[in-house]
Amino acid sequence: MLTSINPKLPTRNKSITRDFYIHKLGFNEFGSADFDGYLMLEKDNIQIHFFEFNELNPKENYGQVYIRTNEINEIFQSFLDKKVIIHPAGHLQIKPWGQKEFSILDPDNNLLTFGESL
């Protein structure tokens, strides 16, 4: 039985990633150890892990995570309030597949799409 999934995304700088996810997106750091080259963050029932990849070219990064929620409007508004930039092609909208979605890019161009079933 599968019980959870914790995606691992690249980051060029743990401090910048930590700051963005904690102060802009409301995540918390998971665990009490500061692992060399590795970062674990959590919010509600999800975790996202990051591995340092100093040579990452953000223009060539295709890291993506789809995050399901039951509070899409509230999350979208909280990101706007914190001046999180919404992806130009990912504004809040209802998709043909029955999801209400929006997307953002983190500092390393990892795409985070948030979706709620209608």
N, C-alpha and C. Protein backbone atom coordinates (compact mmCIF):
# COMPACT_ATOMS: atom_id res chain seq x y z
N MET A 1 0.85 -1.18 0.00
CA MET A 1 0.00 0.00 0.00
C MET A 1 0.89 1.24 0.00
N LEU A 2 0.61 2.18 -0.88
CA LEU A 2 1.32 3.45 -0.90
C LEU A 2 0.67 4.38 0.09
N THR A 3 1.47 5.14 0.84
CA THR A 3 0.89 5.99 1.88
C THR A 3 1.14 7.48 1.69
N SER A 4 2.19 7.85 0.97
CA SER A 4 2.43 9.27 0.72
C SER A 4 3.51 9.40 -0.35
N ILE A 5 3.68 10.63 -0.82
CA ILE A 5 4.74 10.93 -1.77
C ILE A 5 5.37 12.25 -1.36
N ASN A 6 6.69 12.28 -1.42
CA ASN A 6 7.45 13.49 -1.07
C ASN A 6 8.36 13.83 -2.24
N PRO A 7 7.91 14.70 -3.13
CA PRO A 7 8.73 15.02 -4.29
C PRO A 7 10.05 15.66 -3.87
N LYS A 8 11.08 15.42 -4.69
CA LYS A 8 12.40 16.01 -4.48
C LYS A 8 12.69 16.92 -5.66
N LEU A 9 12.90 18.19 -5.37
CA LEU A 9 13.13 19.19 -6.40
C LEU A 9 14.53 19.79 -6.25
N PRO A 10 15.11 20.26 -7.34
CA PRO A 10 16.44 20.88 -7.26
C PRO A 10 16.36 22.30 -6.73
N THR A 11 17.42 22.71 -6.04
CA THR A 11 17.57 24.08 -5.58
C THR A 11 19.03 24.48 -5.73
N ARG A 12 19.24 25.72 -6.11
CA ARG A 12 20.61 26.23 -6.20
C ARG A 12 21.10 26.72 -4.86
N ASN A 13 20.17 27.10 -3.97
CA ASN A 13 20.55 27.72 -2.71
C ASN A 13 19.50 27.40 -1.66
N LYS A 14 19.87 26.60 -0.68
CA LYS A 14 18.92 26.19 0.37
C LYS A 14 18.34 27.39 1.11
N SER A 15 19.13 28.39 1.40
CA SER A 15 18.65 29.54 2.17
C SER A 15 17.56 30.30 1.43
N ILE A 16 17.77 30.51 0.14
CA ILE A 16 16.78 31.23 -0.67
C ILE A 16 15.50 30.40 -0.77
N THR A 17 15.65 29.10 -1.01
CA THR A 17 14.48 28.22 -1.10
C THR A 17 13.74 28.18 0.22
N ARG A 18 14.46 28.00 1.32
CA ARG A 18 13.84 27.97 2.65
C ARG A 18 13.05 29.25 2.90
N ASP A 19 13.67 30.39 2.63
CA ASP A 19 13.02 31.68 2.86
C ASP A 19 11.74 31.82 2.03
N PHE A 20 11.79 31.46 0.75
CA PHE A 20 10.63 31.58 -0.12
C PHE A 20 9.48 30.70 0.37
N TYR A 21 9.75 29.44 0.62
CA TYR A 21 8.70 28.51 1.01
C TYR A 21 8.14 28.83 2.40
N ILE A 22 8.98 29.27 3.32
CA ILE A 22 8.50 29.56 4.68
C ILE A 22 7.77 30.90 4.72
N HIS A 23 8.39 31.95 4.19
CA HIS A 23 7.81 33.29 4.34
C HIS A 23 6.76 33.64 3.29
N LYS A 24 6.85 33.08 2.12
CA LYS A 24 5.87 33.38 1.07
C LYS A 24 4.75 32.35 0.99
N LEU A 25 5.09 31.06 1.18
CA LEU A 25 4.09 30.01 0.97
C LEU A 25 3.58 29.39 2.26
N GLY A 26 4.17 29.73 3.40
CA GLY A 26 3.66 29.25 4.69
C GLY A 26 4.10 27.85 5.08
N PHE A 27 5.18 27.34 4.51
CA PHE A 27 5.72 26.04 4.89
C PHE A 27 6.53 26.17 6.17
N ASN A 28 6.84 25.03 6.78
CA ASN A 28 7.73 24.94 7.93
C ASN A 28 8.84 23.96 7.59
N GLU A 29 9.98 24.14 8.24
CA GLU A 29 11.06 23.19 8.05
C GLU A 29 10.72 21.90 8.79
N PHE A 30 10.98 20.77 8.15
CA PHE A 30 10.69 19.47 8.74
C PHE A 30 11.97 18.90 9.33
N GLY A 31 11.88 18.39 10.53
CA GLY A 31 13.05 17.81 11.18
C GLY A 31 13.86 18.86 11.91
N SER A 32 14.82 18.38 12.68
CA SER A 32 15.60 19.30 13.51
C SER A 32 17.05 19.42 13.04
N ALA A 33 17.45 18.64 12.05
CA ALA A 33 18.83 18.68 11.59
C ALA A 33 18.95 19.48 10.30
N ASP A 34 20.04 20.21 10.18
CA ASP A 34 20.33 20.94 8.95
C ASP A 34 21.25 20.05 8.12
N PHE A 35 20.67 19.29 7.21
CA PHE A 35 21.43 18.34 6.41
C PHE A 35 22.19 19.07 5.31
N ASP A 36 23.42 18.69 5.13
CA ASP A 36 24.25 19.28 4.09
C ASP A 36 23.66 18.98 2.71
N GLY A 37 23.30 20.01 1.99
CA GLY A 37 22.82 19.84 0.62
C GLY A 37 21.40 19.32 0.50
N TYR A 38 20.65 19.31 1.59
CA TYR A 38 19.29 18.75 1.55
C TYR A 38 18.39 19.55 2.47
N LEU A 39 17.14 19.76 2.03
CA LEU A 39 16.17 20.55 2.78
C LEU A 39 14.82 19.86 2.70
N MET A 40 14.13 19.77 3.84
CA MET A 40 12.79 19.17 3.88
C MET A 40 11.83 20.20 4.46
N LEU A 41 10.75 20.46 3.73
CA LEU A 41 9.74 21.43 4.16
C LEU A 41 8.38 20.77 4.15
N GLU A 42 7.49 21.26 5.02
CA GLU A 42 6.15 20.69 5.10
C GLU A 42 5.12 21.78 5.33
N LYS A 43 3.92 21.46 4.90
CA LYS A 43 2.76 22.31 5.16
C LYS A 43 1.55 21.39 5.16
N ASP A 44 0.75 21.50 6.20
CA ASP A 44 -0.41 20.63 6.36
C ASP A 44 0.02 19.18 6.22
N ASN A 45 -0.49 18.45 5.23
CA ASN A 45 -0.18 17.03 5.09
C ASN A 45 0.81 16.71 3.98
N ILE A 46 1.54 17.70 3.50
CA ILE A 46 2.50 17.42 2.42
C ILE A 46 3.91 17.82 2.83
N GLN A 47 4.87 17.17 2.21
CA GLN A 47 6.27 17.53 2.33
C GLN A 47 6.84 17.69 0.93
N ILE A 48 7.76 18.64 0.80
CA ILE A 48 8.55 18.77 -0.41
C ILE A 48 10.01 18.77 0.04
N HIS A 49 10.81 17.95 -0.61
CA HIS A 49 12.23 17.87 -0.30
C HIS A 49 13.02 18.54 -1.43
N PHE A 50 14.17 19.09 -1.06
CA PHE A 50 15.03 19.78 -2.03
C PHE A 50 16.45 19.27 -1.92
N PHE A 51 17.08 19.07 -3.05
CA PHE A 51 18.50 18.71 -3.08
C PHE A 51 19.26 19.83 -3.77
N GLU A 52 20.42 20.17 -3.22
CA GLU A 52 21.22 21.24 -3.81
C GLU A 52 21.81 20.80 -5.14
N PHE A 53 21.65 21.66 -6.12
CA PHE A 53 22.17 21.45 -7.46
C PHE A 53 22.70 22.81 -7.91
N ASN A 54 23.92 23.12 -7.49
CA ASN A 54 24.49 24.45 -7.70
C ASN A 54 24.60 24.85 -9.16
N GLU A 55 24.76 23.87 -10.05
CA GLU A 55 24.92 24.16 -11.47
C GLU A 55 23.59 24.24 -12.21
N LEU A 56 22.50 24.15 -11.51
CA LEU A 56 21.18 24.18 -12.14
C LEU A 56 20.99 25.47 -12.93
N ASN A 57 20.56 25.32 -14.16
CA ASN A 57 20.18 26.47 -14.97
C ASN A 57 18.65 26.57 -14.88
N PRO A 58 18.12 27.57 -14.18
CA PRO A 58 16.66 27.66 -14.00
C PRO A 58 15.88 27.65 -15.31
N LYS A 59 16.48 28.15 -16.38
CA LYS A 59 15.79 28.15 -17.67
C LYS A 59 15.66 26.75 -18.25
N GLU A 60 16.40 25.80 -17.69
CA GLU A 60 16.34 24.41 -18.16
C GLU A 60 15.78 23.48 -17.10
N ASN A 61 15.16 24.03 -16.07
CA ASN A 61 14.60 23.22 -14.99
C ASN A 61 13.14 22.90 -15.29
N TYR A 62 12.82 21.62 -15.28
CA TYR A 62 11.46 21.18 -15.56
C TYR A 62 10.81 20.53 -14.35
N GLY A 63 11.33 20.82 -13.14
CA GLY A 63 10.74 20.28 -11.91
C GLY A 63 9.31 20.78 -11.76
N GLN A 64 8.40 19.85 -11.46
CA GLN A 64 6.99 20.21 -11.31
C GLN A 64 6.34 19.38 -10.21
N VAL A 65 5.42 20.01 -9.50
CA VAL A 65 4.64 19.30 -8.48
C VAL A 65 3.19 19.78 -8.60
N TYR A 66 2.26 18.84 -8.54
CA TYR A 66 0.83 19.17 -8.52
C TYR A 66 0.36 18.95 -7.09
N ILE A 67 -0.17 19.99 -6.47
CA ILE A 67 -0.60 19.94 -5.07
C ILE A 67 -2.11 20.10 -5.01
N ARG A 68 -2.76 19.09 -4.50
CA ARG A 68 -4.22 19.14 -4.35
C ARG A 68 -4.58 19.84 -3.04
N THR A 69 -5.67 20.60 -3.09
CA THR A 69 -6.13 21.33 -1.92
C THR A 69 -7.65 21.35 -1.89
N ASN A 70 -8.22 21.68 -0.76
CA ASN A 70 -9.65 21.91 -0.67
C ASN A 70 -9.94 23.37 -0.29
N GLU A 71 -8.91 24.23 -0.47
CA GLU A 71 -9.04 25.65 -0.15
C GLU A 71 -8.36 26.51 -1.22
N ILE A 72 -8.63 26.24 -2.48
CA ILE A 72 -7.91 26.89 -3.58
C ILE A 72 -8.04 28.42 -3.53
N ASN A 73 -9.25 28.93 -3.28
CA ASN A 73 -9.45 30.38 -3.27
C ASN A 73 -8.66 31.04 -2.14
N GLU A 74 -8.66 30.42 -0.98
CA GLU A 74 -7.94 30.98 0.16
C GLU A 74 -6.44 30.98 -0.06
N ILE A 75 -5.92 29.88 -0.61
CA ILE A 75 -4.49 29.79 -0.87
C ILE A 75 -4.09 30.82 -1.93
N PHE A 76 -4.87 30.91 -2.99
CA PHE A 76 -4.59 31.88 -4.05
C PHE A 76 -4.54 33.29 -3.47
N GLN A 77 -5.54 33.65 -2.66
CA GLN A 77 -5.58 34.99 -2.08
C GLN A 77 -4.42 35.23 -1.13
N SER A 78 -4.05 34.22 -0.34
CA SER A 78 -2.93 34.40 0.59
C SER A 78 -1.62 34.63 -0.17
N PHE A 79 -1.45 33.96 -1.31
CA PHE A 79 -0.26 34.18 -2.12
C PHE A 79 -0.27 35.59 -2.72
N LEU A 80 -1.42 36.03 -3.18
CA LEU A 80 -1.51 37.41 -3.69
C LEU A 80 -1.18 38.41 -2.59
N ASP A 81 -1.69 38.17 -1.39
CA ASP A 81 -1.43 39.07 -0.26
C ASP A 81 0.06 39.14 0.07
N LYS A 82 0.78 38.03 -0.14
CA LYS A 82 2.21 37.97 0.15
C LYS A 82 3.05 38.31 -1.08
N LYS A 83 2.37 38.78 -2.13
CA LYS A 83 3.02 39.21 -3.37
C LYS A 83 3.80 38.09 -4.06
N VAL A 84 3.27 36.87 -3.97
CA VAL A 84 3.83 35.75 -4.72
C VAL A 84 3.41 35.94 -6.17
N ILE A 85 4.35 35.83 -7.08
CA ILE A 85 4.05 36.02 -8.50
C ILE A 85 3.36 34.77 -9.04
N ILE A 86 2.19 34.97 -9.62
CA ILE A 86 1.45 33.88 -10.25
C ILE A 86 2.01 33.68 -11.65
N HIS A 87 2.18 32.42 -12.04
CA HIS A 87 2.73 32.11 -13.36
C HIS A 87 1.87 32.79 -14.43
N PRO A 88 2.49 33.42 -15.44
CA PRO A 88 1.72 34.13 -16.47
C PRO A 88 0.68 33.25 -17.17
N ALA A 89 0.96 31.97 -17.32
CA ALA A 89 -0.01 31.07 -17.97
C ALA A 89 -0.78 30.25 -16.95
N GLY A 90 -0.67 30.61 -15.67
CA GLY A 90 -1.27 29.78 -14.64
C GLY A 90 -2.17 30.51 -13.67
N HIS A 91 -2.89 31.52 -14.15
CA HIS A 91 -3.81 32.22 -13.26
C HIS A 91 -4.97 31.31 -12.85
N LEU A 92 -5.60 31.64 -11.76
CA LEU A 92 -6.70 30.84 -11.21
C LEU A 92 -7.80 30.70 -12.26
N GLN A 93 -8.08 29.45 -12.61
CA GLN A 93 -9.11 29.19 -13.61
C GLN A 93 -9.63 27.76 -13.49
N ILE A 94 -10.80 27.55 -14.05
CA ILE A 94 -11.39 26.21 -14.09
C ILE A 94 -10.92 25.53 -15.36
N LYS A 95 -10.37 24.34 -15.20
CA LYS A 95 -9.82 23.58 -16.32
C LYS A 95 -10.86 22.60 -16.85
N PRO A 96 -10.74 22.18 -18.11
CA PRO A 96 -11.71 21.25 -18.70
C PRO A 96 -11.77 19.91 -17.98
N TRP A 97 -10.74 19.55 -17.24
CA TRP A 97 -10.71 18.26 -16.54
C TRP A 97 -11.31 18.34 -15.14
N GLY A 98 -12.03 19.45 -14.84
CA GLY A 98 -12.79 19.55 -13.60
C GLY A 98 -11.99 19.98 -12.39
N GLN A 99 -10.90 20.68 -12.61
CA GLN A 99 -10.09 21.21 -11.52
C GLN A 99 -10.07 22.73 -11.61
N LYS A 100 -10.06 23.38 -10.46
CA LYS A 100 -9.80 24.81 -10.38
C LYS A 100 -8.33 24.92 -9.98
N GLU A 101 -7.52 25.60 -10.80
CA GLU A 101 -6.08 25.56 -10.64
C GLU A 101 -5.43 26.93 -10.79
N PHE A 102 -4.22 27.03 -10.22
CA PHE A 102 -3.30 28.11 -10.52
C PHE A 102 -1.89 27.60 -10.30
N SER A 103 -0.90 28.31 -10.85
CA SER A 103 0.49 27.87 -10.77
C SER A 103 1.41 29.02 -10.42
N ILE A 104 2.52 28.66 -9.76
CA ILE A 104 3.58 29.61 -9.46
C ILE A 104 4.92 28.94 -9.78
N LEU A 105 5.96 29.75 -9.87
CA LEU A 105 7.32 29.25 -10.00
C LEU A 105 8.10 29.64 -8.75
N ASP A 106 8.90 28.70 -8.24
CA ASP A 106 9.74 29.04 -7.10
C ASP A 106 11.03 29.69 -7.62
N PRO A 107 11.96 30.08 -6.74
CA PRO A 107 13.17 30.79 -7.21
C PRO A 107 14.03 30.00 -8.19
N ASP A 108 13.85 28.69 -8.27
CA ASP A 108 14.63 27.88 -9.20
C ASP A 108 13.81 27.42 -10.40
N ASN A 109 12.65 28.00 -10.59
CA ASN A 109 11.73 27.68 -11.69
C ASN A 109 11.09 26.31 -11.57
N ASN A 110 11.00 25.77 -10.36
CA ASN A 110 10.17 24.59 -10.14
C ASN A 110 8.73 25.06 -10.20
N LEU A 111 7.92 24.39 -11.01
CA LEU A 111 6.52 24.76 -11.18
C LEU A 111 5.67 24.08 -10.12
N LEU A 112 4.93 24.88 -9.35
CA LEU A 112 3.99 24.36 -8.36
C LEU A 112 2.59 24.69 -8.85
N THR A 113 1.80 23.67 -9.12
CA THR A 113 0.42 23.88 -9.53
C THR A 113 -0.47 23.42 -8.39
N PHE A 114 -1.39 24.28 -7.99
CA PHE A 114 -2.35 23.99 -6.94
C PHE A 114 -3.70 23.75 -7.57
N GLY A 115 -4.39 22.69 -7.18
CA GLY A 115 -5.66 22.36 -7.79
C GLY A 115 -6.67 21.84 -6.79
N GLU A 116 -7.93 22.18 -7.05
CA GLU A 116 -9.06 21.70 -6.25
C GLU A 116 -10.10 21.10 -7.18
N SER A 117 -10.56 19.90 -6.84
CA SER A 117 -11.62 19.27 -7.62
C SER A 117 -12.92 20.02 -7.45
N LEU A 118 -13.67 20.16 -8.53
CA LEU A 118 -14.96 20.86 -8.46
C LEU A 118 -16.07 19.88 -8.14
